[in-house]
Amino acid sequence: MITRRLIQLLWGLALYGISMALMLRANLGLDPWDVLHQGLAPRIGLSFGMTVNLLGLIVLLLWIPLRQRPGIGTVLNILIIGTVVDLSLPLLPAPEGYPLRFAFLIGGIVLNGIAGGAYIGAGLGPGPRDGLMTGISGRTSWPIKLVRTAIELSVLATGWLMGGTVGVGTVLYALTIGWVVHYALPFFTLGRKQALAVDPAPCSG
């Protein structure tokens, strides 16, 4: 059983990285955390993917005062997603014309939701950004939806000020990702039980 869960975790994280690369190539707007990653990357001299990994590690350190415990999925999240983004980008052509760009965007969002459902459903530890959300909620007793909204708006504003891409893709992601994960997660949760009681939509790792 653990082997199956680990395999599901690995391919889920890999597909998550590919989905992020698709949305980057679409250039129509990114999800809030990726707006931050994109704005931050040139300022620290790292690739987009390595910025994703580094920020994931920094966020993980914020778990310490929140008394959150990482799992193997948390560690692999930090190592795999950004690395796969960097490996995928050179293989994906820059789409020309809005029809193809929107195809990349929608494909990226759908794949992102499916991949998120897979790695969350493996049950081997949340991503660092997801754990930050649940940790703050647990320590403050603030509802998940309030904490999630506050974090997402904060990173979106910061990333936009740094030059990250905000656009129709950002809005479309916000409106649809929760629904995609909601329907994908039951297929990947062990025993096909109902998805997590909290908002299951992943926060870019």
N, C-alpha and C. Protein backbone atom coordinates (compact mmCIF):
# COMPACT_ATOMS: atom_id res chain seq x y z
N MET A 1 0.83 -1.21 0.00
CA MET A 1 0.00 0.00 0.00
C MET A 1 0.87 1.26 0.00
N ILE A 2 1.94 1.26 0.80
CA ILE A 2 2.79 2.43 0.87
C ILE A 2 3.47 2.69 -0.47
N THR A 3 3.80 1.59 -1.19
CA THR A 3 4.43 1.74 -2.51
C THR A 3 3.47 2.44 -3.47
N ARG A 4 2.22 2.00 -3.45
CA ARG A 4 1.22 2.62 -4.32
C ARG A 4 1.06 4.11 -3.99
N ARG A 5 1.02 4.41 -2.70
CA ARG A 5 0.87 5.81 -2.28
C ARG A 5 2.07 6.65 -2.71
N LEU A 6 3.26 6.07 -2.59
CA LEU A 6 4.46 6.80 -2.97
C LEU A 6 4.50 7.05 -4.47
N ILE A 7 4.14 6.04 -5.26
CA ILE A 7 4.10 6.21 -6.72
C ILE A 7 3.09 7.28 -7.10
N GLN A 8 1.92 7.24 -6.47
CA GLN A 8 0.90 8.26 -6.75
C GLN A 8 1.39 9.64 -6.38
N LEU A 9 2.08 9.74 -5.26
CA LEU A 9 2.64 11.03 -4.84
C LEU A 9 3.63 11.55 -5.87
N LEU A 10 4.53 10.68 -6.33
CA LEU A 10 5.59 11.10 -7.25
C LEU A 10 5.02 11.58 -8.58
N TRP A 11 4.09 10.80 -9.16
CA TRP A 11 3.56 11.26 -10.45
C TRP A 11 2.64 12.45 -10.29
N GLY A 12 1.98 12.55 -9.14
CA GLY A 12 1.16 13.73 -8.88
C GLY A 12 1.99 15.00 -8.81
N LEU A 13 3.12 14.92 -8.11
CA LEU A 13 4.00 16.08 -8.00
C LEU A 13 4.62 16.43 -9.36
N ALA A 14 4.98 15.41 -10.13
CA ALA A 14 5.56 15.66 -11.45
C ALA A 14 4.54 16.33 -12.38
N LEU A 15 3.32 15.84 -12.38
CA LEU A 15 2.28 16.45 -13.22
C LEU A 15 1.95 17.87 -12.75
N TYR A 16 2.06 18.09 -11.45
CA TYR A 16 1.83 19.43 -10.92
C TYR A 16 2.86 20.41 -11.50
N GLY A 17 4.12 19.97 -11.57
CA GLY A 17 5.15 20.82 -12.16
C GLY A 17 4.89 21.09 -13.63
N ILE A 18 4.45 20.07 -14.37
CA ILE A 18 4.14 20.25 -15.79
C ILE A 18 2.99 21.22 -15.96
N SER A 19 1.99 21.13 -15.09
CA SER A 19 0.83 22.03 -15.18
C SER A 19 1.27 23.49 -14.98
N MET A 20 2.19 23.71 -14.07
CA MET A 20 2.69 25.06 -13.85
C MET A 20 3.44 25.58 -15.06
N ALA A 21 4.21 24.70 -15.71
CA ALA A 21 4.92 25.09 -16.93
C ALA A 21 3.95 25.47 -18.04
N LEU A 22 2.85 24.73 -18.16
CA LEU A 22 1.84 25.05 -19.17
C LEU A 22 1.26 26.44 -18.94
N MET A 23 0.96 26.77 -17.69
CA MET A 23 0.38 28.08 -17.39
C MET A 23 1.41 29.19 -17.60
N LEU A 24 2.66 28.90 -17.34
CA LEU A 24 3.71 29.89 -17.61
C LEU A 24 3.80 30.17 -19.11
N ARG A 25 3.79 29.11 -19.91
CA ARG A 25 3.88 29.28 -21.36
C ARG A 25 2.66 30.02 -21.92
N ALA A 26 1.50 29.83 -21.32
CA ALA A 26 0.29 30.52 -21.79
C ALA A 26 0.42 32.02 -21.63
N ASN A 27 1.12 32.46 -20.58
CA ASN A 27 1.37 33.89 -20.34
C ASN A 27 0.08 34.71 -20.29
N LEU A 28 -0.92 34.15 -19.60
CA LEU A 28 -2.21 34.84 -19.47
C LEU A 28 -2.54 35.11 -18.01
N GLY A 29 -1.58 34.92 -17.14
CA GLY A 29 -1.82 35.11 -15.71
C GLY A 29 -1.63 33.81 -14.96
N LEU A 30 -1.02 33.91 -13.79
CA LEU A 30 -0.68 32.74 -12.99
C LEU A 30 -1.48 32.73 -11.69
N ASP A 31 -1.45 31.59 -11.00
CA ASP A 31 -2.07 31.54 -9.69
C ASP A 31 -1.24 32.38 -8.71
N PRO A 32 -1.80 32.80 -7.58
CA PRO A 32 -1.11 33.76 -6.69
C PRO A 32 0.30 33.39 -6.31
N TRP A 33 0.55 32.15 -5.89
CA TRP A 33 1.91 31.78 -5.48
C TRP A 33 2.88 31.83 -6.66
N ASP A 34 2.42 31.46 -7.85
CA ASP A 34 3.31 31.49 -9.01
C ASP A 34 3.55 32.92 -9.49
N VAL A 35 2.61 33.82 -9.25
CA VAL A 35 2.88 35.24 -9.50
C VAL A 35 4.05 35.69 -8.64
N LEU A 36 4.05 35.25 -7.37
CA LEU A 36 5.15 35.59 -6.47
C LEU A 36 6.45 34.94 -6.93
N HIS A 37 6.39 33.67 -7.29
CA HIS A 37 7.59 32.97 -7.76
C HIS A 37 8.19 33.67 -8.98
N GLN A 38 7.32 34.05 -9.92
CA GLN A 38 7.78 34.68 -11.15
C GLN A 38 8.39 36.05 -10.87
N GLY A 39 7.77 36.81 -9.98
CA GLY A 39 8.30 38.12 -9.66
C GLY A 39 9.59 38.06 -8.88
N LEU A 40 9.73 37.04 -8.05
CA LEU A 40 10.90 36.91 -7.19
C LEU A 40 12.11 36.35 -7.91
N ALA A 41 11.90 35.45 -8.86
CA ALA A 41 12.99 34.72 -9.51
C ALA A 41 14.11 35.61 -10.05
N PRO A 42 13.81 36.62 -10.89
CA PRO A 42 14.91 37.44 -11.41
C PRO A 42 15.60 38.29 -10.35
N ARG A 43 14.92 38.56 -9.26
CA ARG A 43 15.49 39.39 -8.21
C ARG A 43 16.52 38.63 -7.37
N ILE A 44 16.38 37.30 -7.32
CA ILE A 44 17.35 36.51 -6.55
C ILE A 44 18.27 35.72 -7.47
N GLY A 45 18.10 35.86 -8.77
CA GLY A 45 19.01 35.24 -9.72
C GLY A 45 18.85 33.74 -9.88
N LEU A 46 17.65 33.23 -9.65
CA LEU A 46 17.39 31.80 -9.80
C LEU A 46 16.34 31.58 -10.89
N SER A 47 16.29 30.36 -11.40
CA SER A 47 15.24 30.01 -12.35
C SER A 47 13.90 29.99 -11.63
N PHE A 48 12.82 29.96 -12.40
CA PHE A 48 11.49 29.90 -11.80
C PHE A 48 11.36 28.67 -10.90
N GLY A 49 11.76 27.52 -11.42
CA GLY A 49 11.62 26.29 -10.67
C GLY A 49 12.41 26.27 -9.38
N MET A 50 13.65 26.73 -9.45
CA MET A 50 14.47 26.75 -8.24
C MET A 50 13.93 27.76 -7.22
N THR A 51 13.28 28.81 -7.72
CA THR A 51 12.63 29.76 -6.81
C THR A 51 11.46 29.09 -6.10
N VAL A 52 10.69 28.27 -6.85
CA VAL A 52 9.60 27.51 -6.24
C VAL A 52 10.14 26.62 -5.12
N ASN A 53 11.22 25.90 -5.40
CA ASN A 53 11.78 25.00 -4.41
C ASN A 53 12.31 25.76 -3.19
N LEU A 54 13.04 26.86 -3.43
CA LEU A 54 13.62 27.62 -2.34
C LEU A 54 12.54 28.22 -1.45
N LEU A 55 11.52 28.80 -2.07
CA LEU A 55 10.45 29.40 -1.27
C LEU A 55 9.69 28.33 -0.50
N GLY A 56 9.56 27.15 -1.09
CA GLY A 56 8.93 26.05 -0.37
C GLY A 56 9.71 25.69 0.88
N LEU A 57 11.03 25.69 0.78
CA LEU A 57 11.87 25.40 1.95
C LEU A 57 11.72 26.48 3.01
N ILE A 58 11.68 27.74 2.58
CA ILE A 58 11.53 28.84 3.53
C ILE A 58 10.18 28.76 4.23
N VAL A 59 9.13 28.47 3.46
CA VAL A 59 7.80 28.33 4.06
C VAL A 59 7.79 27.17 5.05
N LEU A 60 8.49 26.09 4.71
CA LEU A 60 8.54 24.94 5.62
C LEU A 60 9.15 25.34 6.97
N LEU A 61 10.13 26.22 6.96
CA LEU A 61 10.74 26.68 8.22
C LEU A 61 9.73 27.43 9.08
N LEU A 62 8.73 28.04 8.43
CA LEU A 62 7.69 28.74 9.18
C LEU A 62 6.77 27.77 9.92
N TRP A 63 6.86 26.49 9.58
CA TRP A 63 6.07 25.48 10.27
C TRP A 63 6.53 25.30 11.72
N ILE A 64 7.81 25.61 11.99
CA ILE A 64 8.39 25.31 13.31
C ILE A 64 7.59 25.95 14.44
N PRO A 65 7.34 27.28 14.40
CA PRO A 65 6.54 27.85 15.49
C PRO A 65 5.08 27.43 15.47
N LEU A 66 4.63 26.91 14.31
CA LEU A 66 3.24 26.45 14.20
C LEU A 66 3.08 25.00 14.65
N ARG A 67 4.22 24.35 14.95
CA ARG A 67 4.23 22.96 15.42
C ARG A 67 3.61 22.00 14.42
N GLN A 68 3.85 22.29 13.15
CA GLN A 68 3.41 21.39 12.10
C GLN A 68 4.50 20.35 11.85
N ARG A 69 4.10 19.15 11.49
CA ARG A 69 5.05 18.08 11.22
C ARG A 69 5.01 17.71 9.74
N PRO A 70 6.14 17.84 9.05
CA PRO A 70 6.16 17.47 7.63
C PRO A 70 6.18 15.96 7.45
N GLY A 71 5.73 15.53 6.30
CA GLY A 71 5.81 14.13 5.93
C GLY A 71 6.74 13.99 4.74
N ILE A 72 6.91 12.77 4.26
CA ILE A 72 7.77 12.57 3.10
C ILE A 72 7.23 13.31 1.89
N GLY A 73 5.90 13.44 1.82
CA GLY A 73 5.29 14.18 0.73
C GLY A 73 5.66 15.65 0.76
N THR A 74 5.82 16.20 1.96
CA THR A 74 6.20 17.60 2.11
C THR A 74 7.60 17.83 1.55
N VAL A 75 8.53 16.92 1.92
CA VAL A 75 9.92 17.04 1.46
C VAL A 75 10.01 16.86 -0.04
N LEU A 76 9.34 15.83 -0.57
CA LEU A 76 9.39 15.59 -2.01
C LEU A 76 8.72 16.71 -2.79
N ASN A 77 7.70 17.33 -2.20
CA ASN A 77 7.05 18.49 -2.82
C ASN A 77 8.08 19.57 -3.10
N ILE A 78 8.91 19.86 -2.10
CA ILE A 78 9.92 20.90 -2.24
C ILE A 78 10.96 20.54 -3.29
N LEU A 79 11.30 19.27 -3.39
CA LEU A 79 12.36 18.85 -4.29
C LEU A 79 11.90 18.66 -5.74
N ILE A 80 10.65 18.24 -5.93
CA ILE A 80 10.23 17.78 -7.25
C ILE A 80 9.54 18.84 -8.08
N ILE A 81 8.57 19.55 -7.52
CA ILE A 81 7.71 20.40 -8.35
C ILE A 81 8.51 21.44 -9.14
N GLY A 82 9.31 22.23 -8.46
CA GLY A 82 10.07 23.26 -9.16
C GLY A 82 11.06 22.68 -10.14
N THR A 83 11.66 21.54 -9.79
CA THR A 83 12.61 20.89 -10.69
C THR A 83 11.93 20.46 -11.98
N VAL A 84 10.73 19.90 -11.87
CA VAL A 84 9.99 19.47 -13.06
C VAL A 84 9.58 20.68 -13.90
N VAL A 85 9.24 21.79 -13.26
CA VAL A 85 8.92 23.00 -14.03
C VAL A 85 10.10 23.39 -14.90
N ASP A 86 11.30 23.43 -14.32
CA ASP A 86 12.48 23.82 -15.09
C ASP A 86 12.80 22.83 -16.20
N LEU A 87 12.55 21.55 -15.97
CA LEU A 87 12.79 20.54 -17.01
C LEU A 87 11.74 20.60 -18.11
N SER A 88 10.52 21.00 -17.77
CA SER A 88 9.41 21.01 -18.73
C SER A 88 9.43 22.23 -19.64
N LEU A 89 9.81 23.38 -19.10
CA LEU A 89 9.72 24.62 -19.88
C LEU A 89 10.46 24.56 -21.22
N PRO A 90 11.69 24.03 -21.28
CA PRO A 90 12.36 23.97 -22.59
C PRO A 90 11.69 23.04 -23.59
N LEU A 91 10.87 22.12 -23.10
CA LEU A 91 10.21 21.15 -23.98
C LEU A 91 8.87 21.66 -24.50
N LEU A 92 8.36 22.73 -23.91
CA LEU A 92 7.06 23.27 -24.30
C LEU A 92 7.25 24.50 -25.19
N PRO A 93 6.71 24.49 -26.39
CA PRO A 93 6.83 25.66 -27.25
C PRO A 93 5.98 26.81 -26.72
N ALA A 94 6.41 28.03 -27.01
CA ALA A 94 5.60 29.19 -26.64
C ALA A 94 4.43 29.26 -27.61
N PRO A 95 3.20 29.11 -27.14
CA PRO A 95 2.04 29.10 -28.04
C PRO A 95 1.82 30.46 -28.69
N GLU A 96 1.45 30.45 -29.97
CA GLU A 96 1.18 31.68 -30.70
C GLU A 96 -0.33 31.80 -30.93
N GLY A 97 -0.86 32.97 -30.63
CA GLY A 97 -2.28 33.20 -30.82
C GLY A 97 -3.07 32.84 -29.57
N TYR A 98 -4.15 33.57 -29.36
CA TYR A 98 -4.93 33.38 -28.14
C TYR A 98 -5.59 32.00 -28.03
N PRO A 99 -6.09 31.40 -29.13
CA PRO A 99 -6.70 30.07 -28.97
C PRO A 99 -5.73 29.05 -28.36
N LEU A 100 -4.50 29.03 -28.85
CA LEU A 100 -3.53 28.07 -28.34
C LEU A 100 -3.08 28.45 -26.92
N ARG A 101 -2.95 29.74 -26.67
CA ARG A 101 -2.57 30.17 -25.32
C ARG A 101 -3.65 29.79 -24.30
N PHE A 102 -4.91 29.97 -24.68
CA PHE A 102 -5.98 29.58 -23.77
C PHE A 102 -6.04 28.06 -23.61
N ALA A 103 -5.70 27.32 -24.67
CA ALA A 103 -5.65 25.86 -24.56
C ALA A 103 -4.59 25.44 -23.55
N PHE A 104 -3.42 26.09 -23.59
CA PHE A 104 -2.36 25.82 -22.62
C PHE A 104 -2.84 26.16 -21.21
N LEU A 105 -3.50 27.32 -21.08
CA LEU A 105 -3.96 27.76 -19.77
C LEU A 105 -4.98 26.79 -19.18
N ILE A 106 -6.01 26.46 -19.96
CA ILE A 106 -7.06 25.57 -19.45
C ILE A 106 -6.50 24.18 -19.18
N GLY A 107 -5.66 23.70 -20.09
CA GLY A 107 -5.02 22.40 -19.87
C GLY A 107 -4.18 22.41 -18.60
N GLY A 108 -3.47 23.51 -18.37
CA GLY A 108 -2.66 23.63 -17.17
C GLY A 108 -3.49 23.62 -15.90
N ILE A 109 -4.60 24.34 -15.91
CA ILE A 109 -5.47 24.41 -14.72
C ILE A 109 -6.08 23.04 -14.43
N VAL A 110 -6.59 22.37 -15.46
CA VAL A 110 -7.20 21.05 -15.26
C VAL A 110 -6.16 20.06 -14.76
N LEU A 111 -4.98 20.05 -15.39
CA LEU A 111 -3.92 19.14 -14.97
C LEU A 111 -3.46 19.47 -13.55
N ASN A 112 -3.43 20.76 -13.21
CA ASN A 112 -3.04 21.19 -11.88
C ASN A 112 -4.00 20.62 -10.83
N GLY A 113 -5.29 20.68 -11.12
CA GLY A 113 -6.27 20.16 -10.18
C GLY A 113 -6.20 18.65 -10.03
N ILE A 114 -6.00 17.94 -11.14
CA ILE A 114 -5.88 16.48 -11.09
C ILE A 114 -4.62 16.09 -10.32
N ALA A 115 -3.52 16.76 -10.63
CA ALA A 115 -2.25 16.46 -9.95
C ALA A 115 -2.34 16.78 -8.47
N GLY A 116 -3.00 17.89 -8.14
CA GLY A 116 -3.19 18.24 -6.74
C GLY A 116 -4.00 17.19 -6.01
N GLY A 117 -5.07 16.69 -6.66
CA GLY A 117 -5.86 15.63 -6.06
C GLY A 117 -5.04 14.37 -5.84
N ALA A 118 -4.12 14.08 -6.76
CA ALA A 118 -3.29 12.88 -6.64
C ALA A 118 -2.32 12.98 -5.48
N TYR A 119 -1.60 14.10 -5.37
CA TYR A 119 -0.60 14.14 -4.30
C TYR A 119 -1.24 14.36 -2.93
N ILE A 120 -2.35 15.07 -2.87
CA ILE A 120 -3.05 15.20 -1.59
C ILE A 120 -3.67 13.85 -1.20
N GLY A 121 -4.26 13.16 -2.18
CA GLY A 121 -4.89 11.88 -1.91
C GLY A 121 -3.93 10.81 -1.47
N ALA A 122 -2.65 10.95 -1.81
CA ALA A 122 -1.65 9.96 -1.38
C ALA A 122 -1.50 9.96 0.14
N GLY A 123 -1.82 11.07 0.79
CA GLY A 123 -1.82 11.13 2.24
C GLY A 123 -0.45 10.98 2.88
N LEU A 124 0.59 11.49 2.21
CA LEU A 124 1.95 11.37 2.75
C LEU A 124 2.52 12.70 3.20
N GLY A 125 1.67 13.67 3.45
CA GLY A 125 2.13 14.96 3.94
C GLY A 125 1.74 16.08 3.00
N PRO A 126 1.26 17.20 3.53
CA PRO A 126 0.85 18.33 2.69
C PRO A 126 2.04 19.08 2.12
N GLY A 127 1.79 19.87 1.09
CA GLY A 127 2.83 20.75 0.59
C GLY A 127 3.13 21.82 1.63
N PRO A 128 4.30 22.46 1.54
CA PRO A 128 4.67 23.45 2.56
C PRO A 128 3.69 24.61 2.64
N ARG A 129 3.16 25.06 1.52
CA ARG A 129 2.24 26.19 1.54
C ARG A 129 0.88 25.79 2.10
N ASP A 130 0.45 24.56 1.80
CA ASP A 130 -0.79 24.06 2.38
C ASP A 130 -0.66 23.90 3.89
N GLY A 131 0.51 23.41 4.33
CA GLY A 131 0.73 23.24 5.75
C GLY A 131 0.79 24.56 6.50
N LEU A 132 1.30 25.59 5.83
CA LEU A 132 1.31 26.92 6.45
C LEU A 132 -0.12 27.38 6.70
N MET A 133 -0.97 27.17 5.72
CA MET A 133 -2.37 27.56 5.84
C MET A 133 -3.06 26.83 6.99
N THR A 134 -2.93 25.52 7.02
CA THR A 134 -3.61 24.74 8.06
C THR A 134 -2.98 24.99 9.43
N GLY A 135 -1.65 25.24 9.45
CA GLY A 135 -0.98 25.51 10.71
C GLY A 135 -1.43 26.82 11.34
N ILE A 136 -1.54 27.87 10.53
CA ILE A 136 -2.01 29.16 11.04
C ILE A 136 -3.44 29.04 11.53
N SER A 137 -4.25 28.31 10.77
CA SER A 137 -5.64 28.13 11.18
C SER A 137 -5.73 27.38 12.50
N GLY A 138 -4.90 26.35 12.65
CA GLY A 138 -4.93 25.57 13.87
C GLY A 138 -4.47 26.34 15.10
N ARG A 139 -3.47 27.22 14.92
CA ARG A 139 -2.93 27.97 16.05
C ARG A 139 -3.78 29.16 16.43
N THR A 140 -4.52 29.71 15.46
CA THR A 140 -5.30 30.92 15.72
C THR A 140 -6.79 30.66 15.85
N SER A 141 -7.23 29.48 15.43
CA SER A 141 -8.66 29.13 15.36
C SER A 141 -9.41 29.95 14.33
N TRP A 142 -8.67 30.61 13.43
CA TRP A 142 -9.33 31.31 12.33
C TRP A 142 -9.76 30.27 11.31
N PRO A 143 -10.89 30.50 10.63
CA PRO A 143 -11.35 29.53 9.64
C PRO A 143 -10.39 29.43 8.46
N ILE A 144 -10.32 28.22 7.90
CA ILE A 144 -9.42 27.96 6.77
C ILE A 144 -9.65 28.95 5.63
N LYS A 145 -10.93 29.22 5.32
CA LYS A 145 -11.22 30.10 4.19
C LYS A 145 -10.67 31.50 4.41
N LEU A 146 -10.67 31.99 5.65
CA LEU A 146 -10.13 33.31 5.94
C LEU A 146 -8.61 33.31 5.82
N VAL A 147 -7.97 32.29 6.40
CA VAL A 147 -6.51 32.19 6.33
C VAL A 147 -6.06 32.02 4.89
N ARG A 148 -6.75 31.14 4.15
CA ARG A 148 -6.40 30.90 2.75
C ARG A 148 -6.50 32.18 1.93
N THR A 149 -7.59 32.90 2.11
CA THR A 149 -7.78 34.14 1.36
C THR A 149 -6.72 35.18 1.70
N ALA A 150 -6.41 35.32 2.98
CA ALA A 150 -5.41 36.30 3.40
C ALA A 150 -4.03 35.98 2.82
N ILE A 151 -3.65 34.71 2.87
CA ILE A 151 -2.35 34.31 2.33
C ILE A 151 -2.30 34.53 0.82
N GLU A 152 -3.34 34.08 0.12
CA GLU A 152 -3.34 34.19 -1.34
C GLU A 152 -3.31 35.64 -1.80
N LEU A 153 -4.08 36.50 -1.15
CA LEU A 153 -4.08 37.91 -1.53
C LEU A 153 -2.74 38.56 -1.23
N SER A 154 -2.11 38.17 -0.14
CA SER A 154 -0.82 38.74 0.24
C SER A 154 0.26 38.38 -0.76
N VAL A 155 0.35 37.08 -1.12
CA VAL A 155 1.39 36.67 -2.06
C VAL A 155 1.09 37.19 -3.46
N LEU A 156 -0.19 37.29 -3.82
CA LEU A 156 -0.55 37.84 -5.13
C LEU A 156 -0.12 39.29 -5.25
N ALA A 157 -0.43 40.10 -4.23
CA ALA A 157 -0.06 41.51 -4.26
C ALA A 157 1.44 41.69 -4.29
N THR A 158 2.15 40.90 -3.49
CA THR A 158 3.62 41.00 -3.45
C THR A 158 4.22 40.61 -4.79
N GLY A 159 3.74 39.51 -5.35
CA GLY A 159 4.26 39.06 -6.65
C GLY A 159 3.97 40.03 -7.76
N TRP A 160 2.78 40.61 -7.75
CA TRP A 160 2.42 41.59 -8.78
C TRP A 160 3.31 42.82 -8.69
N LEU A 161 3.58 43.28 -7.50
CA LEU A 161 4.47 44.44 -7.32
C LEU A 161 5.88 44.13 -7.79
N MET A 162 6.27 42.87 -7.75
CA MET A 162 7.60 42.46 -8.20
C MET A 162 7.66 42.18 -9.70
N GLY A 163 6.51 42.24 -10.37
CA GLY A 163 6.49 42.04 -11.81
C GLY A 163 5.92 40.72 -12.27
N GLY A 164 5.31 39.95 -11.37
CA GLY A 164 4.69 38.69 -11.77
C GLY A 164 3.47 38.94 -12.64
N THR A 165 3.12 37.93 -13.44
CA THR A 165 2.03 38.07 -14.41
C THR A 165 0.67 37.81 -13.77
N VAL A 166 -0.16 38.85 -13.74
CA VAL A 166 -1.53 38.74 -13.27
C VAL A 166 -2.45 39.01 -14.45
N GLY A 167 -3.43 38.15 -14.66
CA GLY A 167 -4.31 38.34 -15.80
C GLY A 167 -5.53 37.46 -15.70
N VAL A 168 -6.12 37.20 -16.85
CA VAL A 168 -7.35 36.41 -16.88
C VAL A 168 -7.10 35.02 -16.33
N GLY A 169 -5.89 34.50 -16.52
CA GLY A 169 -5.56 33.18 -16.00
C GLY A 169 -5.60 33.14 -14.48
N THR A 170 -5.22 34.24 -13.86
CA THR A 170 -5.25 34.32 -12.40
C THR A 170 -6.69 34.20 -11.90
N VAL A 171 -7.59 34.91 -12.56
CA VAL A 171 -9.00 34.88 -12.17
C VAL A 171 -9.60 33.51 -12.47
N LEU A 172 -9.30 32.97 -13.65
CA LEU A 172 -9.85 31.67 -14.03
C LEU A 172 -9.38 30.58 -13.08
N TYR A 173 -8.12 30.63 -12.70
CA TYR A 173 -7.58 29.65 -11.75
C TYR A 173 -8.33 29.74 -10.42
N ALA A 174 -8.48 30.97 -9.93
CA ALA A 174 -9.14 31.16 -8.63
C ALA A 174 -10.58 30.63 -8.64
N LEU A 175 -11.27 30.79 -9.78
CA LEU A 175 -12.67 30.40 -9.87
C LEU A 175 -12.88 28.90 -10.08
N THR A 176 -11.88 28.23 -10.64
CA THR A 176 -12.10 26.85 -11.06
C THR A 176 -11.28 25.79 -10.33
N ILE A 177 -10.13 26.15 -9.76
CA ILE A 177 -9.23 25.12 -9.24
C ILE A 177 -9.88 24.32 -8.11
N GLY A 178 -10.64 24.98 -7.26
CA GLY A 178 -11.29 24.27 -6.17
C GLY A 178 -12.25 23.20 -6.67
N TRP A 179 -12.97 23.51 -7.74
CA TRP A 179 -13.92 22.56 -8.31
C TRP A 179 -13.19 21.37 -8.93
N VAL A 180 -12.10 21.65 -9.64
CA VAL A 180 -11.35 20.56 -10.27
C VAL A 180 -10.81 19.60 -9.21
N VAL A 181 -10.19 20.16 -8.17
CA VAL A 181 -9.65 19.32 -7.10
C VAL A 181 -10.77 18.57 -6.39
N HIS A 182 -11.90 19.25 -6.19
CA HIS A 182 -13.03 18.63 -5.49
C HIS A 182 -13.48 17.35 -6.18
N TYR A 183 -13.52 17.38 -7.50
CA TYR A 183 -13.97 16.20 -8.23
C TYR A 183 -12.85 15.20 -8.47
N ALA A 184 -11.61 15.66 -8.48
CA ALA A 184 -10.49 14.74 -8.72
C ALA A 184 -10.08 13.99 -7.47
N LEU A 185 -10.13 14.65 -6.32
CA LEU A 185 -9.60 14.08 -5.10
C LEU A 185 -10.22 12.74 -4.70
N PRO A 186 -11.55 12.56 -4.79
CA PRO A 186 -12.11 11.26 -4.39
C PRO A 186 -11.57 10.07 -5.17
N PHE A 187 -11.14 10.29 -6.41
CA PHE A 187 -10.60 9.20 -7.21
C PHE A 187 -9.22 8.76 -6.75
N PHE A 188 -8.52 9.66 -6.04
CA PHE A 188 -7.15 9.36 -5.64
C PHE A 188 -6.97 9.13 -4.15
N THR A 189 -7.99 9.46 -3.36
CA THR A 189 -7.90 9.23 -1.92
C THR A 189 -8.02 7.74 -1.64
N LEU A 190 -7.14 7.21 -0.80
CA LEU A 190 -7.14 5.78 -0.51
C LEU A 190 -8.50 5.34 0.00
N GLY A 191 -9.01 4.25 -0.55
CA GLY A 191 -10.33 3.77 -0.18
C GLY A 191 -11.43 4.56 -0.84
N ARG A 192 -11.02 5.55 -1.69
CA ARG A 192 -11.96 6.40 -2.41
C ARG A 192 -12.94 7.06 -1.45
N LYS A 193 -12.42 7.43 -0.26
CA LYS A 193 -13.25 8.15 0.70
C LYS A 193 -13.43 9.58 0.25
N GLN A 194 -14.35 10.26 0.89
CA GLN A 194 -14.61 11.65 0.53
C GLN A 194 -13.37 12.48 0.81
N ALA A 195 -13.20 13.54 0.05
CA ALA A 195 -12.03 14.42 0.17
C ALA A 195 -11.97 15.06 1.55
N LEU A 196 -10.85 15.74 1.80
CA LEU A 196 -10.64 16.38 3.08
C LEU A 196 -11.76 17.34 3.42
N ALA A 197 -12.00 17.49 4.71
CA ALA A 197 -13.09 18.37 5.16
C ALA A 197 -12.76 19.82 4.90
N VAL A 198 -11.46 20.17 4.94
CA VAL A 198 -11.05 21.54 4.66
C VAL A 198 -10.99 21.75 3.16
N ASP A 199 -10.85 23.02 2.76
CA ASP A 199 -10.72 23.38 1.35
C ASP A 199 -9.55 22.60 0.77
N PRO A 200 -9.78 21.69 -0.22
CA PRO A 200 -8.71 20.83 -0.68
C PRO A 200 -7.82 21.45 -1.74
N ALA A 201 -8.17 22.59 -2.28
CA ALA A 201 -7.41 23.14 -3.39
C ALA A 201 -5.97 23.44 -2.96
N PRO A 202 -4.98 22.88 -3.66
CA PRO A 202 -3.60 23.06 -3.26
C PRO A 202 -3.12 24.47 -3.54
N CYS A 203 -2.14 24.92 -2.76
CA CYS A 203 -1.57 26.27 -2.91
C CYS A 203 -0.24 26.19 -3.63
N SER A 204 -0.19 25.66 -4.83
CA SER A 204 1.06 25.54 -5.56
C SER A 204 2.13 24.88 -4.73
N GLY A 205 1.76 23.76 -4.17
CA GLY A 205 2.71 23.02 -3.37
C GLY A 205 2.62 23.38 -1.93
